[in-house]
Amino acid sequence: VQLVESGGGLVQPGGSLRLSCAASR
């Protein structure tokens, strides 16, 4: 079992961001 997040960062108010989580099958 493993969960790995990615996609975080700095963004201005009103902006957009997409997070990803790669999971064990």
PDBML (XML) file of the C-alpha atoms, coordinates in Angstrom:
<?xml version="1.0" encoding="UTF-8" ?>
<PDBx:datablock datablockName="MODEL"
   xmlns:PDBx="http://pdbml.pdb.org/schema/pdbx-v50.xsd"
   xmlns:xsi="http://www.w3.org/2001/XMLSchema-instance"
   xsi:schemaLocation="http://pdbml.pdb.org/schema/pdbx-v50.xsd pdbx-v50.xsd">
   <PDBx:atom_siteCategory>
      <PDBx:atom_site id="1">
         <PDBx:B_iso_or_equiv>0.00</PDBx:B_iso_or_equiv>
         <PDBx:Cartn_x>0.000</PDBx:Cartn_x>
         <PDBx:Cartn_y>0.000</PDBx:Cartn_y>
         <PDBx:Cartn_z>0.000</PDBx:Cartn_z>
         <PDBx:auth_asym_id>A</PDBx:auth_asym_id>
         <PDBx:auth_atom_id>CA</PDBx:auth_atom_id>
         <PDBx:auth_comp_id>VAL</PDBx:auth_comp_id>
         <PDBx:auth_seq_id>1</PDBx:auth_seq_id>
         <PDBx:group_PDB>ATOM</PDBx:group_PDB>
         <PDBx:label_alt_id xsi:nil="true" />
         <PDBx:label_asym_id>A</PDBx:label_asym_id>
         <PDBx:label_atom_id>CA</PDBx:label_atom_id>
         <PDBx:label_comp_id>VAL</PDBx:label_comp_id>
         <PDBx:label_entity_id>1</PDBx:label_entity_id>
         <PDBx:label_seq_id>1</PDBx:label_seq_id>
         <PDBx:occupancy>1.00</PDBx:occupancy>
         <PDBx:pdbx_PDB_model_num>1</PDBx:pdbx_PDB_model_num>
         <PDBx:type_symbol>C</PDBx:type_symbol>
      </PDBx:atom_site>
      <PDBx:atom_site id="2">
         <PDBx:B_iso_or_equiv>0.00</PDBx:B_iso_or_equiv>
         <PDBx:Cartn_x>1.362</PDBx:Cartn_x>
         <PDBx:Cartn_y>3.354</PDBx:Cartn_y>
         <PDBx:Cartn_z>-1.073</PDBx:Cartn_z>
         <PDBx:auth_asym_id>A</PDBx:auth_asym_id>
         <PDBx:auth_atom_id>CA</PDBx:auth_atom_id>
         <PDBx:auth_comp_id>GLN</PDBx:auth_comp_id>
         <PDBx:auth_seq_id>2</PDBx:auth_seq_id>
         <PDBx:group_PDB>ATOM</PDBx:group_PDB>
         <PDBx:label_alt_id xsi:nil="true" />
         <PDBx:label_asym_id>A</PDBx:label_asym_id>
         <PDBx:label_atom_id>CA</PDBx:label_atom_id>
         <PDBx:label_comp_id>GLN</PDBx:label_comp_id>
         <PDBx:label_entity_id>1</PDBx:label_entity_id>
         <PDBx:label_seq_id>2</PDBx:label_seq_id>
         <PDBx:occupancy>1.00</PDBx:occupancy>
         <PDBx:pdbx_PDB_model_num>1</PDBx:pdbx_PDB_model_num>
         <PDBx:type_symbol>C</PDBx:type_symbol>
      </PDBx:atom_site>
      <PDBx:atom_site id="3">
         <PDBx:B_iso_or_equiv>0.00</PDBx:B_iso_or_equiv>
         <PDBx:Cartn_x>-0.118</PDBx:Cartn_x>
         <PDBx:Cartn_y>6.792</PDBx:Cartn_y>
         <PDBx:Cartn_z>-1.725</PDBx:Cartn_z>
         <PDBx:auth_asym_id>A</PDBx:auth_asym_id>
         <PDBx:auth_atom_id>CA</PDBx:auth_atom_id>
         <PDBx:auth_comp_id>LEU</PDBx:auth_comp_id>
         <PDBx:auth_seq_id>3</PDBx:auth_seq_id>
         <PDBx:group_PDB>ATOM</PDBx:group_PDB>
         <PDBx:label_alt_id xsi:nil="true" />
         <PDBx:label_asym_id>A</PDBx:label_asym_id>
         <PDBx:label_atom_id>CA</PDBx:label_atom_id>
         <PDBx:label_comp_id>LEU</PDBx:label_comp_id>
         <PDBx:label_entity_id>1</PDBx:label_entity_id>
         <PDBx:label_seq_id>3</PDBx:label_seq_id>
         <PDBx:occupancy>1.00</PDBx:occupancy>
         <PDBx:pdbx_PDB_model_num>1</PDBx:pdbx_PDB_model_num>
         <PDBx:type_symbol>C</PDBx:type_symbol>
      </PDBx:atom_site>
      <PDBx:atom_site id="4">
         <PDBx:B_iso_or_equiv>0.00</PDBx:B_iso_or_equiv>
         <PDBx:Cartn_x>2.006</PDBx:Cartn_x>
         <PDBx:Cartn_y>9.502</PDBx:Cartn_y>
         <PDBx:Cartn_z>-3.318</PDBx:Cartn_z>
         <PDBx:auth_asym_id>A</PDBx:auth_asym_id>
         <PDBx:auth_atom_id>CA</PDBx:auth_atom_id>
         <PDBx:auth_comp_id>VAL</PDBx:auth_comp_id>
         <PDBx:auth_seq_id>4</PDBx:auth_seq_id>
         <PDBx:group_PDB>ATOM</PDBx:group_PDB>
         <PDBx:label_alt_id xsi:nil="true" />
         <PDBx:label_asym_id>A</PDBx:label_asym_id>
         <PDBx:label_atom_id>CA</PDBx:label_atom_id>
         <PDBx:label_comp_id>VAL</PDBx:label_comp_id>
         <PDBx:label_entity_id>1</PDBx:label_entity_id>
         <PDBx:label_seq_id>4</PDBx:label_seq_id>
         <PDBx:occupancy>1.00</PDBx:occupancy>
         <PDBx:pdbx_PDB_model_num>1</PDBx:pdbx_PDB_model_num>
         <PDBx:type_symbol>C</PDBx:type_symbol>
      </PDBx:atom_site>
      <PDBx:atom_site id="5">
         <PDBx:B_iso_or_equiv>0.00</PDBx:B_iso_or_equiv>
         <PDBx:Cartn_x>0.701</PDBx:Cartn_x>
         <PDBx:Cartn_y>13.048</PDBx:Cartn_y>
         <PDBx:Cartn_z>-3.725</PDBx:Cartn_z>
         <PDBx:auth_asym_id>A</PDBx:auth_asym_id>
         <PDBx:auth_atom_id>CA</PDBx:auth_atom_id>
         <PDBx:auth_comp_id>GLU</PDBx:auth_comp_id>
         <PDBx:auth_seq_id>5</PDBx:auth_seq_id>
         <PDBx:group_PDB>ATOM</PDBx:group_PDB>
         <PDBx:label_alt_id xsi:nil="true" />
         <PDBx:label_asym_id>A</PDBx:label_asym_id>
         <PDBx:label_atom_id>CA</PDBx:label_atom_id>
         <PDBx:label_comp_id>GLU</PDBx:label_comp_id>
         <PDBx:label_entity_id>1</PDBx:label_entity_id>
         <PDBx:label_seq_id>5</PDBx:label_seq_id>
         <PDBx:occupancy>1.00</PDBx:occupancy>
         <PDBx:pdbx_PDB_model_num>1</PDBx:pdbx_PDB_model_num>
         <PDBx:type_symbol>C</PDBx:type_symbol>
      </PDBx:atom_site>
      <PDBx:atom_site id="6">
         <PDBx:B_iso_or_equiv>0.00</PDBx:B_iso_or_equiv>
         <PDBx:Cartn_x>1.994</PDBx:Cartn_x>
         <PDBx:Cartn_y>15.659</PDBx:Cartn_y>
         <PDBx:Cartn_z>-6.128</PDBx:Cartn_z>
         <PDBx:auth_asym_id>A</PDBx:auth_asym_id>
         <PDBx:auth_atom_id>CA</PDBx:auth_atom_id>
         <PDBx:auth_comp_id>SER</PDBx:auth_comp_id>
         <PDBx:auth_seq_id>6</PDBx:auth_seq_id>
         <PDBx:group_PDB>ATOM</PDBx:group_PDB>
         <PDBx:label_alt_id xsi:nil="true" />
         <PDBx:label_asym_id>A</PDBx:label_asym_id>
         <PDBx:label_atom_id>CA</PDBx:label_atom_id>
         <PDBx:label_comp_id>SER</PDBx:label_comp_id>
         <PDBx:label_entity_id>1</PDBx:label_entity_id>
         <PDBx:label_seq_id>6</PDBx:label_seq_id>
         <PDBx:occupancy>1.00</PDBx:occupancy>
         <PDBx:pdbx_PDB_model_num>1</PDBx:pdbx_PDB_model_num>
         <PDBx:type_symbol>C</PDBx:type_symbol>
      </PDBx:atom_site>
      <PDBx:atom_site id="7">
         <PDBx:B_iso_or_equiv>0.00</PDBx:B_iso_or_equiv>
         <PDBx:Cartn_x>0.984</PDBx:Cartn_x>
         <PDBx:Cartn_y>18.978</PDBx:Cartn_y>
         <PDBx:Cartn_z>-7.658</PDBx:Cartn_z>
         <PDBx:auth_asym_id>A</PDBx:auth_asym_id>
         <PDBx:auth_atom_id>CA</PDBx:auth_atom_id>
         <PDBx:auth_comp_id>GLY</PDBx:auth_comp_id>
         <PDBx:auth_seq_id>7</PDBx:auth_seq_id>
         <PDBx:group_PDB>ATOM</PDBx:group_PDB>
         <PDBx:label_alt_id xsi:nil="true" />
         <PDBx:label_asym_id>A</PDBx:label_asym_id>
         <PDBx:label_atom_id>CA</PDBx:label_atom_id>
         <PDBx:label_comp_id>GLY</PDBx:label_comp_id>
         <PDBx:label_entity_id>1</PDBx:label_entity_id>
         <PDBx:label_seq_id>7</PDBx:label_seq_id>
         <PDBx:occupancy>1.00</PDBx:occupancy>
         <PDBx:pdbx_PDB_model_num>1</PDBx:pdbx_PDB_model_num>
         <PDBx:type_symbol>C</PDBx:type_symbol>
      </PDBx:atom_site>
      <PDBx:atom_site id="8">
         <PDBx:B_iso_or_equiv>0.00</PDBx:B_iso_or_equiv>
         <PDBx:Cartn_x>1.117</PDBx:Cartn_x>
         <PDBx:Cartn_y>21.312</PDBx:Cartn_y>
         <PDBx:Cartn_z>-4.699</PDBx:Cartn_z>
         <PDBx:auth_asym_id>A</PDBx:auth_asym_id>
         <PDBx:auth_atom_id>CA</PDBx:auth_atom_id>
         <PDBx:auth_comp_id>GLY</PDBx:auth_comp_id>
         <PDBx:auth_seq_id>8</PDBx:auth_seq_id>
         <PDBx:group_PDB>ATOM</PDBx:group_PDB>
         <PDBx:label_alt_id xsi:nil="true" />
         <PDBx:label_asym_id>A</PDBx:label_asym_id>
         <PDBx:label_atom_id>CA</PDBx:label_atom_id>
         <PDBx:label_comp_id>GLY</PDBx:label_comp_id>
         <PDBx:label_entity_id>1</PDBx:label_entity_id>
         <PDBx:label_seq_id>8</PDBx:label_seq_id>
         <PDBx:occupancy>1.00</PDBx:occupancy>
         <PDBx:pdbx_PDB_model_num>1</PDBx:pdbx_PDB_model_num>
         <PDBx:type_symbol>C</PDBx:type_symbol>
      </PDBx:atom_site>
      <PDBx:atom_site id="9">
         <PDBx:B_iso_or_equiv>0.00</PDBx:B_iso_or_equiv>
         <PDBx:Cartn_x>2.682</PDBx:Cartn_x>
         <PDBx:Cartn_y>24.735</PDBx:Cartn_y>
         <PDBx:Cartn_z>-4.877</PDBx:Cartn_z>
         <PDBx:auth_asym_id>A</PDBx:auth_asym_id>
         <PDBx:auth_atom_id>CA</PDBx:auth_atom_id>
         <PDBx:auth_comp_id>GLY</PDBx:auth_comp_id>
         <PDBx:auth_seq_id>9</PDBx:auth_seq_id>
         <PDBx:group_PDB>ATOM</PDBx:group_PDB>
         <PDBx:label_alt_id xsi:nil="true" />
         <PDBx:label_asym_id>A</PDBx:label_asym_id>
         <PDBx:label_atom_id>CA</PDBx:label_atom_id>
         <PDBx:label_comp_id>GLY</PDBx:label_comp_id>
         <PDBx:label_entity_id>1</PDBx:label_entity_id>
         <PDBx:label_seq_id>9</PDBx:label_seq_id>
         <PDBx:occupancy>1.00</PDBx:occupancy>
         <PDBx:pdbx_PDB_model_num>1</PDBx:pdbx_PDB_model_num>
         <PDBx:type_symbol>C</PDBx:type_symbol>
      </PDBx:atom_site>
      <PDBx:atom_site id="10">
         <PDBx:B_iso_or_equiv>0.00</PDBx:B_iso_or_equiv>
         <PDBx:Cartn_x>2.153</PDBx:Cartn_x>
         <PDBx:Cartn_y>28.474</PDBx:Cartn_y>
         <PDBx:Cartn_z>-4.653</PDBx:Cartn_z>
         <PDBx:auth_asym_id>A</PDBx:auth_asym_id>
         <PDBx:auth_atom_id>CA</PDBx:auth_atom_id>
         <PDBx:auth_comp_id>LEU</PDBx:auth_comp_id>
         <PDBx:auth_seq_id>10</PDBx:auth_seq_id>
         <PDBx:group_PDB>ATOM</PDBx:group_PDB>
         <PDBx:label_alt_id xsi:nil="true" />
         <PDBx:label_asym_id>A</PDBx:label_asym_id>
         <PDBx:label_atom_id>CA</PDBx:label_atom_id>
         <PDBx:label_comp_id>LEU</PDBx:label_comp_id>
         <PDBx:label_entity_id>1</PDBx:label_entity_id>
         <PDBx:label_seq_id>10</PDBx:label_seq_id>
         <PDBx:occupancy>1.00</PDBx:occupancy>
         <PDBx:pdbx_PDB_model_num>1</PDBx:pdbx_PDB_model_num>
         <PDBx:type_symbol>C</PDBx:type_symbol>
      </PDBx:atom_site>
      <PDBx:atom_site id="11">
         <PDBx:B_iso_or_equiv>0.00</PDBx:B_iso_or_equiv>
         <PDBx:Cartn_x>-0.793</PDBx:Cartn_x>
         <PDBx:Cartn_y>30.043</PDBx:Cartn_y>
         <PDBx:Cartn_z>-6.441</PDBx:Cartn_z>
         <PDBx:auth_asym_id>A</PDBx:auth_asym_id>
         <PDBx:auth_atom_id>CA</PDBx:auth_atom_id>
         <PDBx:auth_comp_id>VAL</PDBx:auth_comp_id>
         <PDBx:auth_seq_id>11</PDBx:auth_seq_id>
         <PDBx:group_PDB>ATOM</PDBx:group_PDB>
         <PDBx:label_alt_id xsi:nil="true" />
         <PDBx:label_asym_id>A</PDBx:label_asym_id>
         <PDBx:label_atom_id>CA</PDBx:label_atom_id>
         <PDBx:label_comp_id>VAL</PDBx:label_comp_id>
         <PDBx:label_entity_id>1</PDBx:label_entity_id>
         <PDBx:label_seq_id>11</PDBx:label_seq_id>
         <PDBx:occupancy>1.00</PDBx:occupancy>
         <PDBx:pdbx_PDB_model_num>1</PDBx:pdbx_PDB_model_num>
         <PDBx:type_symbol>C</PDBx:type_symbol>
      </PDBx:atom_site>
      <PDBx:atom_site id="12">
         <PDBx:B_iso_or_equiv>0.00</PDBx:B_iso_or_equiv>
         <PDBx:Cartn_x>-2.493</PDBx:Cartn_x>
         <PDBx:Cartn_y>33.437</PDBx:Cartn_y>
         <PDBx:Cartn_z>-6.310</PDBx:Cartn_z>
         <PDBx:auth_asym_id>A</PDBx:auth_asym_id>
         <PDBx:auth_atom_id>CA</PDBx:auth_atom_id>
         <PDBx:auth_comp_id>GLN</PDBx:auth_comp_id>
         <PDBx:auth_seq_id>12</PDBx:auth_seq_id>
         <PDBx:group_PDB>ATOM</PDBx:group_PDB>
         <PDBx:label_alt_id xsi:nil="true" />
         <PDBx:label_asym_id>A</PDBx:label_asym_id>
         <PDBx:label_atom_id>CA</PDBx:label_atom_id>
         <PDBx:label_comp_id>GLN</PDBx:label_comp_id>
         <PDBx:label_entity_id>1</PDBx:label_entity_id>
         <PDBx:label_seq_id>12</PDBx:label_seq_id>
         <PDBx:occupancy>1.00</PDBx:occupancy>
         <PDBx:pdbx_PDB_model_num>1</PDBx:pdbx_PDB_model_num>
         <PDBx:type_symbol>C</PDBx:type_symbol>
      </PDBx:atom_site>
      <PDBx:atom_site id="13">
         <PDBx:B_iso_or_equiv>0.00</PDBx:B_iso_or_equiv>
         <PDBx:Cartn_x>-6.055</PDBx:Cartn_x>
         <PDBx:Cartn_y>33.876</PDBx:Cartn_y>
         <PDBx:Cartn_z>-5.059</PDBx:Cartn_z>
         <PDBx:auth_asym_id>A</PDBx:auth_asym_id>
         <PDBx:auth_atom_id>CA</PDBx:auth_atom_id>
         <PDBx:auth_comp_id>PRO</PDBx:auth_comp_id>
         <PDBx:auth_seq_id>13</PDBx:auth_seq_id>
         <PDBx:group_PDB>ATOM</PDBx:group_PDB>
         <PDBx:label_alt_id xsi:nil="true" />
         <PDBx:label_asym_id>A</PDBx:label_asym_id>
         <PDBx:label_atom_id>CA</PDBx:label_atom_id>
         <PDBx:label_comp_id>PRO</PDBx:label_comp_id>
         <PDBx:label_entity_id>1</PDBx:label_entity_id>
         <PDBx:label_seq_id>13</PDBx:label_seq_id>
         <PDBx:occupancy>1.00</PDBx:occupancy>
         <PDBx:pdbx_PDB_model_num>1</PDBx:pdbx_PDB_model_num>
         <PDBx:type_symbol>C</PDBx:type_symbol>
      </PDBx:atom_site>
      <PDBx:atom_site id="14">
         <PDBx:B_iso_or_equiv>0.00</PDBx:B_iso_or_equiv>
         <PDBx:Cartn_x>-8.495</PDBx:Cartn_x>
         <PDBx:Cartn_y>33.030</PDBx:Cartn_y>
         <PDBx:Cartn_z>-7.819</PDBx:Cartn_z>
         <PDBx:auth_asym_id>A</PDBx:auth_asym_id>
         <PDBx:auth_atom_id>CA</PDBx:auth_atom_id>
         <PDBx:auth_comp_id>GLY</PDBx:auth_comp_id>
         <PDBx:auth_seq_id>14</PDBx:auth_seq_id>
         <PDBx:group_PDB>ATOM</PDBx:group_PDB>
         <PDBx:label_alt_id xsi:nil="true" />
         <PDBx:label_asym_id>A</PDBx:label_asym_id>
         <PDBx:label_atom_id>CA</PDBx:label_atom_id>
         <PDBx:label_comp_id>GLY</PDBx:label_comp_id>
         <PDBx:label_entity_id>1</PDBx:label_entity_id>
         <PDBx:label_seq_id>14</PDBx:label_seq_id>
         <PDBx:occupancy>1.00</PDBx:occupancy>
         <PDBx:pdbx_PDB_model_num>1</PDBx:pdbx_PDB_model_num>
         <PDBx:type_symbol>C</PDBx:type_symbol>
      </PDBx:atom_site>
      <PDBx:atom_site id="15">
         <PDBx:B_iso_or_equiv>0.00</PDBx:B_iso_or_equiv>
         <PDBx:Cartn_x>-6.023</PDBx:Cartn_x>
         <PDBx:Cartn_y>30.700</PDBx:Cartn_y>
         <PDBx:Cartn_z>-9.465</PDBx:Cartn_z>
         <PDBx:auth_asym_id>A</PDBx:auth_asym_id>
         <PDBx:auth_atom_id>CA</PDBx:auth_atom_id>
         <PDBx:auth_comp_id>GLY</PDBx:auth_comp_id>
         <PDBx:auth_seq_id>15</PDBx:auth_seq_id>
         <PDBx:group_PDB>ATOM</PDBx:group_PDB>
         <PDBx:label_alt_id xsi:nil="true" />
         <PDBx:label_asym_id>A</PDBx:label_asym_id>
         <PDBx:label_atom_id>CA</PDBx:label_atom_id>
         <PDBx:label_comp_id>GLY</PDBx:label_comp_id>
         <PDBx:label_entity_id>1</PDBx:label_entity_id>
         <PDBx:label_seq_id>15</PDBx:label_seq_id>
         <PDBx:occupancy>1.00</PDBx:occupancy>
         <PDBx:pdbx_PDB_model_num>1</PDBx:pdbx_PDB_model_num>
         <PDBx:type_symbol>C</PDBx:type_symbol>
      </PDBx:atom_site>
      <PDBx:atom_site id="16">
         <PDBx:B_iso_or_equiv>0.00</PDBx:B_iso_or_equiv>
         <PDBx:Cartn_x>-6.164</PDBx:Cartn_x>
         <PDBx:Cartn_y>26.969</PDBx:Cartn_y>
         <PDBx:Cartn_z>-10.091</PDBx:Cartn_z>
         <PDBx:auth_asym_id>A</PDBx:auth_asym_id>
         <PDBx:auth_atom_id>CA</PDBx:auth_atom_id>
         <PDBx:auth_comp_id>SER</PDBx:auth_comp_id>
         <PDBx:auth_seq_id>16</PDBx:auth_seq_id>
         <PDBx:group_PDB>ATOM</PDBx:group_PDB>
         <PDBx:label_alt_id xsi:nil="true" />
         <PDBx:label_asym_id>A</PDBx:label_asym_id>
         <PDBx:label_atom_id>CA</PDBx:label_atom_id>
         <PDBx:label_comp_id>SER</PDBx:label_comp_id>
         <PDBx:label_entity_id>1</PDBx:label_entity_id>
         <PDBx:label_seq_id>16</PDBx:label_seq_id>
         <PDBx:occupancy>1.00</PDBx:occupancy>
         <PDBx:pdbx_PDB_model_num>1</PDBx:pdbx_PDB_model_num>
         <PDBx:type_symbol>C</PDBx:type_symbol>
      </PDBx:atom_site>
      <PDBx:atom_site id="17">
         <PDBx:B_iso_or_equiv>0.00</PDBx:B_iso_or_equiv>
         <PDBx:Cartn_x>-4.143</PDBx:Cartn_x>
         <PDBx:Cartn_y>23.923</PDBx:Cartn_y>
         <PDBx:Cartn_z>-9.201</PDBx:Cartn_z>
         <PDBx:auth_asym_id>A</PDBx:auth_asym_id>
         <PDBx:auth_atom_id>CA</PDBx:auth_atom_id>
         <PDBx:auth_comp_id>LEU</PDBx:auth_comp_id>
         <PDBx:auth_seq_id>17</PDBx:auth_seq_id>
         <PDBx:group_PDB>ATOM</PDBx:group_PDB>
         <PDBx:label_alt_id xsi:nil="true" />
         <PDBx:label_asym_id>A</PDBx:label_asym_id>
         <PDBx:label_atom_id>CA</PDBx:label_atom_id>
         <PDBx:label_comp_id>LEU</PDBx:label_comp_id>
         <PDBx:label_entity_id>1</PDBx:label_entity_id>
         <PDBx:label_seq_id>17</PDBx:label_seq_id>
         <PDBx:occupancy>1.00</PDBx:occupancy>
         <PDBx:pdbx_PDB_model_num>1</PDBx:pdbx_PDB_model_num>
         <PDBx:type_symbol>C</PDBx:type_symbol>
      </PDBx:atom_site>
      <PDBx:atom_site id="18">
         <PDBx:B_iso_or_equiv>0.00</PDBx:B_iso_or_equiv>
         <PDBx:Cartn_x>-4.494</PDBx:Cartn_x>
         <PDBx:Cartn_y>20.185</PDBx:Cartn_y>
         <PDBx:Cartn_z>-9.768</PDBx:Cartn_z>
         <PDBx:auth_asym_id>A</PDBx:auth_asym_id>
         <PDBx:auth_atom_id>CA</PDBx:auth_atom_id>
         <PDBx:auth_comp_id>ARG</PDBx:auth_comp_id>
         <PDBx:auth_seq_id>18</PDBx:auth_seq_id>
         <PDBx:group_PDB>ATOM</PDBx:group_PDB>
         <PDBx:label_alt_id xsi:nil="true" />
         <PDBx:label_asym_id>A</PDBx:label_asym_id>
         <PDBx:label_atom_id>CA</PDBx:label_atom_id>
         <PDBx:label_comp_id>ARG</PDBx:label_comp_id>
         <PDBx:label_entity_id>1</PDBx:label_entity_id>
         <PDBx:label_seq_id>18</PDBx:label_seq_id>
         <PDBx:occupancy>1.00</PDBx:occupancy>
         <PDBx:pdbx_PDB_model_num>1</PDBx:pdbx_PDB_model_num>
         <PDBx:type_symbol>C</PDBx:type_symbol>
      </PDBx:atom_site>
      <PDBx:atom_site id="19">
         <PDBx:B_iso_or_equiv>0.00</PDBx:B_iso_or_equiv>
         <PDBx:Cartn_x>-3.326</PDBx:Cartn_x>
         <PDBx:Cartn_y>17.634</PDBx:Cartn_y>
         <PDBx:Cartn_z>-7.243</PDBx:Cartn_z>
         <PDBx:auth_asym_id>A</PDBx:auth_asym_id>
         <PDBx:auth_atom_id>CA</PDBx:auth_atom_id>
         <PDBx:auth_comp_id>LEU</PDBx:auth_comp_id>
         <PDBx:auth_seq_id>19</PDBx:auth_seq_id>
         <PDBx:group_PDB>ATOM</PDBx:group_PDB>
         <PDBx:label_alt_id xsi:nil="true" />
         <PDBx:label_asym_id>A</PDBx:label_asym_id>
         <PDBx:label_atom_id>CA</PDBx:label_atom_id>
         <PDBx:label_comp_id>LEU</PDBx:label_comp_id>
         <PDBx:label_entity_id>1</PDBx:label_entity_id>
         <PDBx:label_seq_id>19</PDBx:label_seq_id>
         <PDBx:occupancy>1.00</PDBx:occupancy>
         <PDBx:pdbx_PDB_model_num>1</PDBx:pdbx_PDB_model_num>
         <PDBx:type_symbol>C</PDBx:type_symbol>
      </PDBx:atom_site>
      <PDBx:atom_site id="20">
         <PDBx:B_iso_or_equiv>0.00</PDBx:B_iso_or_equiv>
         <PDBx:Cartn_x>-2.596</PDBx:Cartn_x>
         <PDBx:Cartn_y>14.016</PDBx:Cartn_y>
         <PDBx:Cartn_z>-8.072</PDBx:Cartn_z>
         <PDBx:auth_asym_id>A</PDBx:auth_asym_id>
         <PDBx:auth_atom_id>CA</PDBx:auth_atom_id>
         <PDBx:auth_comp_id>SER</PDBx:auth_comp_id>
         <PDBx:auth_seq_id>20</PDBx:auth_seq_id>
         <PDBx:group_PDB>ATOM</PDBx:group_PDB>
         <PDBx:label_alt_id xsi:nil="true" />
         <PDBx:label_asym_id>A</PDBx:label_asym_id>
         <PDBx:label_atom_id>CA</PDBx:label_atom_id>
         <PDBx:label_comp_id>SER</PDBx:label_comp_id>
         <PDBx:label_entity_id>1</PDBx:label_entity_id>
         <PDBx:label_seq_id>20</PDBx:label_seq_id>
         <PDBx:occupancy>1.00</PDBx:occupancy>
         <PDBx:pdbx_PDB_model_num>1</PDBx:pdbx_PDB_model_num>
         <PDBx:type_symbol>C</PDBx:type_symbol>
      </PDBx:atom_site>
      <PDBx:atom_site id="21">
         <PDBx:B_iso_or_equiv>0.00</PDBx:B_iso_or_equiv>
         <PDBx:Cartn_x>-2.462</PDBx:Cartn_x>
         <PDBx:Cartn_y>10.911</PDBx:Cartn_y>
         <PDBx:Cartn_z>-5.910</PDBx:Cartn_z>
         <PDBx:auth_asym_id>A</PDBx:auth_asym_id>
         <PDBx:auth_atom_id>CA</PDBx:auth_atom_id>
         <PDBx:auth_comp_id>CYS</PDBx:auth_comp_id>
         <PDBx:auth_seq_id>21</PDBx:auth_seq_id>
         <PDBx:group_PDB>ATOM</PDBx:group_PDB>
         <PDBx:label_alt_id xsi:nil="true" />
         <PDBx:label_asym_id>A</PDBx:label_asym_id>
         <PDBx:label_atom_id>CA</PDBx:label_atom_id>
         <PDBx:label_comp_id>CYS</PDBx:label_comp_id>
         <PDBx:label_entity_id>1</PDBx:label_entity_id>
         <PDBx:label_seq_id>21</PDBx:label_seq_id>
         <PDBx:occupancy>1.00</PDBx:occupancy>
         <PDBx:pdbx_PDB_model_num>1</PDBx:pdbx_PDB_model_num>
         <PDBx:type_symbol>C</PDBx:type_symbol>
      </PDBx:atom_site>
      <PDBx:atom_site id="22">
         <PDBx:B_iso_or_equiv>0.00</PDBx:B_iso_or_equiv>
         <PDBx:Cartn_x>-0.880</PDBx:Cartn_x>
         <PDBx:Cartn_y>7.776</PDBx:Cartn_y>
         <PDBx:Cartn_z>-7.310</PDBx:Cartn_z>
         <PDBx:auth_asym_id>A</PDBx:auth_asym_id>
         <PDBx:auth_atom_id>CA</PDBx:auth_atom_id>
         <PDBx:auth_comp_id>ALA</PDBx:auth_comp_id>
         <PDBx:auth_seq_id>22</PDBx:auth_seq_id>
         <PDBx:group_PDB>ATOM</PDBx:group_PDB>
         <PDBx:label_alt_id xsi:nil="true" />
         <PDBx:label_asym_id>A</PDBx:label_asym_id>
         <PDBx:label_atom_id>CA</PDBx:label_atom_id>
         <PDBx:label_comp_id>ALA</PDBx:label_comp_id>
         <PDBx:label_entity_id>1</PDBx:label_entity_id>
         <PDBx:label_seq_id>22</PDBx:label_seq_id>
         <PDBx:occupancy>1.00</PDBx:occupancy>
         <PDBx:pdbx_PDB_model_num>1</PDBx:pdbx_PDB_model_num>
         <PDBx:type_symbol>C</PDBx:type_symbol>
      </PDBx:atom_site>
      <PDBx:atom_site id="23">
         <PDBx:B_iso_or_equiv>0.00</PDBx:B_iso_or_equiv>
         <PDBx:Cartn_x>-2.205</PDBx:Cartn_x>
         <PDBx:Cartn_y>4.786</PDBx:Cartn_y>
         <PDBx:Cartn_z>-5.395</PDBx:Cartn_z>
         <PDBx:auth_asym_id>A</PDBx:auth_asym_id>
         <PDBx:auth_atom_id>CA</PDBx:auth_atom_id>
         <PDBx:auth_comp_id>ALA</PDBx:auth_comp_id>
         <PDBx:auth_seq_id>23</PDBx:auth_seq_id>
         <PDBx:group_PDB>ATOM</PDBx:group_PDB>
         <PDBx:label_alt_id xsi:nil="true" />
         <PDBx:label_asym_id>A</PDBx:label_asym_id>
         <PDBx:label_atom_id>CA</PDBx:label_atom_id>
         <PDBx:label_comp_id>ALA</PDBx:label_comp_id>
         <PDBx:label_entity_id>1</PDBx:label_entity_id>
         <PDBx:label_seq_id>23</PDBx:label_seq_id>
         <PDBx:occupancy>1.00</PDBx:occupancy>
         <PDBx:pdbx_PDB_model_num>1</PDBx:pdbx_PDB_model_num>
         <PDBx:type_symbol>C</PDBx:type_symbol>
      </PDBx:atom_site>
      <PDBx:atom_site id="24">
         <PDBx:B_iso_or_equiv>0.00</PDBx:B_iso_or_equiv>
         <PDBx:Cartn_x>-1.389</PDBx:Cartn_x>
         <PDBx:Cartn_y>1.108</PDBx:Cartn_y>
         <PDBx:Cartn_z>-5.106</PDBx:Cartn_z>
         <PDBx:auth_asym_id>A</PDBx:auth_asym_id>
         <PDBx:auth_atom_id>CA</PDBx:auth_atom_id>
         <PDBx:auth_comp_id>SER</PDBx:auth_comp_id>
         <PDBx:auth_seq_id>24</PDBx:auth_seq_id>
         <PDBx:group_PDB>ATOM</PDBx:group_PDB>
         <PDBx:label_alt_id xsi:nil="true" />
         <PDBx:label_asym_id>A</PDBx:label_asym_id>
         <PDBx:label_atom_id>CA</PDBx:label_atom_id>
         <PDBx:label_comp_id>SER</PDBx:label_comp_id>
         <PDBx:label_entity_id>1</PDBx:label_entity_id>
         <PDBx:label_seq_id>24</PDBx:label_seq_id>
         <PDBx:occupancy>1.00</PDBx:occupancy>
         <PDBx:pdbx_PDB_model_num>1</PDBx:pdbx_PDB_model_num>
         <PDBx:type_symbol>C</PDBx:type_symbol>
      </PDBx:atom_site>
      <PDBx:atom_site id="25">
         <PDBx:B_iso_or_equiv>0.00</PDBx:B_iso_or_equiv>
         <PDBx:Cartn_x>-3.579</PDBx:Cartn_x>
         <PDBx:Cartn_y>-1.053</PDBx:Cartn_y>
         <PDBx:Cartn_z>-7.298</PDBx:Cartn_z>
         <PDBx:auth_asym_id>A</PDBx:auth_asym_id>
         <PDBx:auth_atom_id>CA</PDBx:auth_atom_id>
         <PDBx:auth_comp_id>ARG</PDBx:auth_comp_id>
         <PDBx:auth_seq_id>25</PDBx:auth_seq_id>
         <PDBx:group_PDB>ATOM</PDBx:group_PDB>
         <PDBx:label_alt_id xsi:nil="true" />
         <PDBx:label_asym_id>A</PDBx:label_asym_id>
         <PDBx:label_atom_id>CA</PDBx:label_atom_id>
         <PDBx:label_comp_id>ARG</PDBx:label_comp_id>
         <PDBx:label_entity_id>1</PDBx:label_entity_id>
         <PDBx:label_seq_id>25</PDBx:label_seq_id>
         <PDBx:occupancy>1.00</PDBx:occupancy>
         <PDBx:pdbx_PDB_model_num>1</PDBx:pdbx_PDB_model_num>
         <PDBx:type_symbol>C</PDBx:type_symbol>
      </PDBx:atom_site>
   </PDBx:atom_siteCategory>
</PDBx:datablock>
